[in-house]
C-alpha atoms as a PDB file:
ATOM      1  CA  MET A   1       0.010  -8.847 -47.812  1.00  0.00           C
ATOM      2  CA  ARG A   2       1.075  -9.887 -44.284  1.00  0.00           C
ATOM      3  CA  LYS A   3       3.419 -12.507 -45.680  1.00  0.00           C
ATOM      4  CA  LEU A   4       5.085  -9.727 -47.947  1.00  0.00           C
ATOM      5  CA  LEU A   5       5.669  -7.426 -44.635  1.00  0.00           C
ATOM      6  CA  THR A   6       6.833 -10.165 -42.617  1.00  0.00           C
ATOM      7  CA  ASP A   7       9.395 -11.160 -45.440  1.00  0.00           C
ATOM      8  CA  LEU A   8      10.364  -7.604 -45.667  1.00  0.00           C
ATOM      9  CA  GLY A   9      11.423  -7.717 -41.825  1.00  0.00           C
ATOM     10  CA  TYR A  10       8.214  -5.901 -40.311  1.00  0.00           C
ATOM     11  CA  THR A  11       6.767  -7.311 -37.333  1.00  0.00           C
ATOM     12  CA  ILE A  12       2.841  -7.367 -37.229  1.00  0.00           C
ATOM     13  CA  ARG A  13       1.376  -6.664 -33.898  1.00  0.00           C
ATOM     14  CA  ASP A  14      -2.164  -6.973 -32.751  1.00  0.00           C
ATOM     15  CA  PRO A  15      -3.497  -3.346 -31.838  1.00  0.00           C
ATOM     16  CA  ASP A  16      -5.789  -4.959 -29.417  1.00  0.00           C
ATOM     17  CA  LYS A  17      -3.282  -6.834 -27.584  1.00  0.00           C
ATOM     18  CA  THR A  18      -1.241  -3.531 -26.936  1.00  0.00           C
ATOM     19  CA  LYS A  19      -4.521  -2.036 -25.753  1.00  0.00           C
ATOM     20  CA  ARG A  20      -5.278  -4.869 -23.350  1.00  0.00           C
ATOM     21  CA  PHE A  21      -1.703  -4.310 -21.793  1.00  0.00           C
ATOM     22  CA  LYS A  22      -2.120  -0.826 -21.275  1.00  0.00           C
ATOM     23  CA  GLU A  23      -5.726  -1.356 -19.621  1.00  0.00           C
ATOM     24  CA  GLN A  24      -4.184  -3.948 -17.507  1.00  0.00           C
ATOM     25  CA  GLN A  25      -1.266  -1.731 -16.696  1.00  0.00           C
ATOM     26  CA  ARG A  26      -3.632   1.057 -15.696  1.00  0.00           C
ATOM     27  CA  GLU A  27      -5.818  -1.117 -13.314  1.00  0.00           C
ATOM     28  CA  LEU A  28      -2.303  -2.212 -11.712  1.00  0.00           C
ATOM     29  CA  ASP A  29      -1.320   1.198 -11.069  1.00  0.00           C
ATOM     30  CA  GLU A  30      -4.608   1.915  -9.577  1.00  0.00           C
ATOM     31  CA  SER A  31      -4.584  -1.267  -7.339  1.00  0.00           C
ATOM     32  CA  LYS A  32      -1.141  -0.089  -6.108  1.00  0.00           C
ATOM     33  CA  ARG A  33      -2.321   3.392  -5.354  1.00  0.00           C
ATOM     34  CA  ASN A  34      -5.382   2.050  -3.283  1.00  0.00           C
ATOM     35  CA  LEU A  35      -2.934  -0.473  -1.633  1.00  0.00           C
ATOM     36  CA  TYR A  36      -0.746   3.009  -0.585  1.00  0.00           C
ATOM     37  CA  VAL A  37      -3.860   4.608   0.711  1.00  0.00           C
ATOM     38  CA  GLY A  38      -4.698   1.835   2.847  1.00  0.00           C
ATOM     39  CA  ALA A  39      -1.316   0.823   3.967  1.00  0.00           C
ATOM     40  CA  VAL A  40      -0.302   4.397   5.206  1.00  0.00           C
ATOM     41  CA  PRO A  41      -2.878   5.050   7.495  1.00  0.00           C
ATOM     42  CA  THR A  42      -2.838   1.606   8.816  1.00  0.00           C
ATOM     43  CA  PHE A  43       0.997   1.653   9.582  1.00  0.00           C
ATOM     44  CA  ILE A  44       0.565   5.349  11.069  1.00  0.00           C
ATOM     45  CA  PHE A  45      -2.265   4.200  13.492  1.00  0.00           C
ATOM     46  CA  SER A  46      -0.805   1.055  14.404  1.00  0.00           C
ATOM     47  CA  GLY A  47       2.508   2.897  15.256  1.00  0.00           C
ATOM     48  CA  LEU A  48       0.366   5.454  17.460  1.00  0.00           C
ATOM     49  CA  MET A  49      -1.537   2.455  19.229  1.00  0.00           C
ATOM     50  CA  LEU A  50       1.735   0.655  20.106  1.00  0.00           C
ATOM     51  CA  PHE A  51       3.384   3.972  21.305  1.00  0.00           C
ATOM     52  CA  MET A  52       0.225   4.475  23.489  1.00  0.00           C
ATOM     53  CA  LEU A  53       0.299   0.909  24.860  1.00  0.00           C
ATOM     54  CA  LEU A  54       4.075   1.335  25.507  1.00  0.00           C
ATOM     55  CA  THR A  55       3.581   4.562  27.523  1.00  0.00           C
ATOM     56  CA  GLY A  56       0.386   3.773  29.224  1.00  0.00           C
ATOM     57  CA  MET A  57      -1.517   6.487  27.553  1.00  0.00           C
ATOM     58  CA  ILE A  58      -4.101   3.693  26.167  1.00  0.00           C
ATOM     59  CA  PHE A  59      -5.150   3.243  29.881  1.00  0.00           C
ATOM     60  CA  GLU A  60      -5.505   6.844  30.801  1.00  0.00           C
ATOM     61  CA  VAL A  61      -7.718   7.295  27.703  1.00  0.00           C
ATOM     62  CA  MET A  62      -9.712   4.281  28.640  1.00  0.00           C
ATOM     63  CA  GLY A  63     -10.124   5.711  32.041  1.00  0.00           C
ATOM     64  CA  PHE A  64      -7.965   2.923  34.071  1.00  0.00           C
ATOM     65  CA  PRO A  65      -5.583   4.345  36.438  1.00  0.00           C
ATOM     66  CA  VAL A  66      -2.539   2.073  35.751  1.00  0.00           C
ATOM     67  CA  ARG A  67       1.053   2.743  36.651  1.00  0.00           C
ATOM     68  CA  THR A  68       3.526   2.105  33.837  1.00  0.00           C
ATOM     69  CA  LEU A  69       7.113   1.107  33.746  1.00  0.00           C
ATOM     70  CA  HIS A  70       7.874   4.581  32.600  1.00  0.00           C
ATOM     71  CA  GLN A  71       6.181   5.933  35.703  1.00  0.00           C
ATOM     72  CA  GLU A  72       7.875   3.700  37.827  1.00  0.00           C
ATOM     73  CA  ILE A  73      11.421   4.701  36.595  1.00  0.00           C
ATOM     74  CA  HIS A  74      10.876   8.503  36.951  1.00  0.00           C
ATOM     75  CA  ARG A  75       9.462   8.204  40.365  1.00  0.00           C
END
């Protein structure tokens, strides 16, 4: 039967192979979504920490009385 179908020009595909491919694609999509969920807050808070460090706010939050370059310029 398979030979007859291939002789007629049909392609026989394994249905399990397609199912496995779709399952792998779903897993990749879920992993990509998890990456974004973790990366977005990481970049936001890294930027916030950098801003605080550059403006001297981090020292004020931690209780250190430190003069920053920004304070020296606007004196």
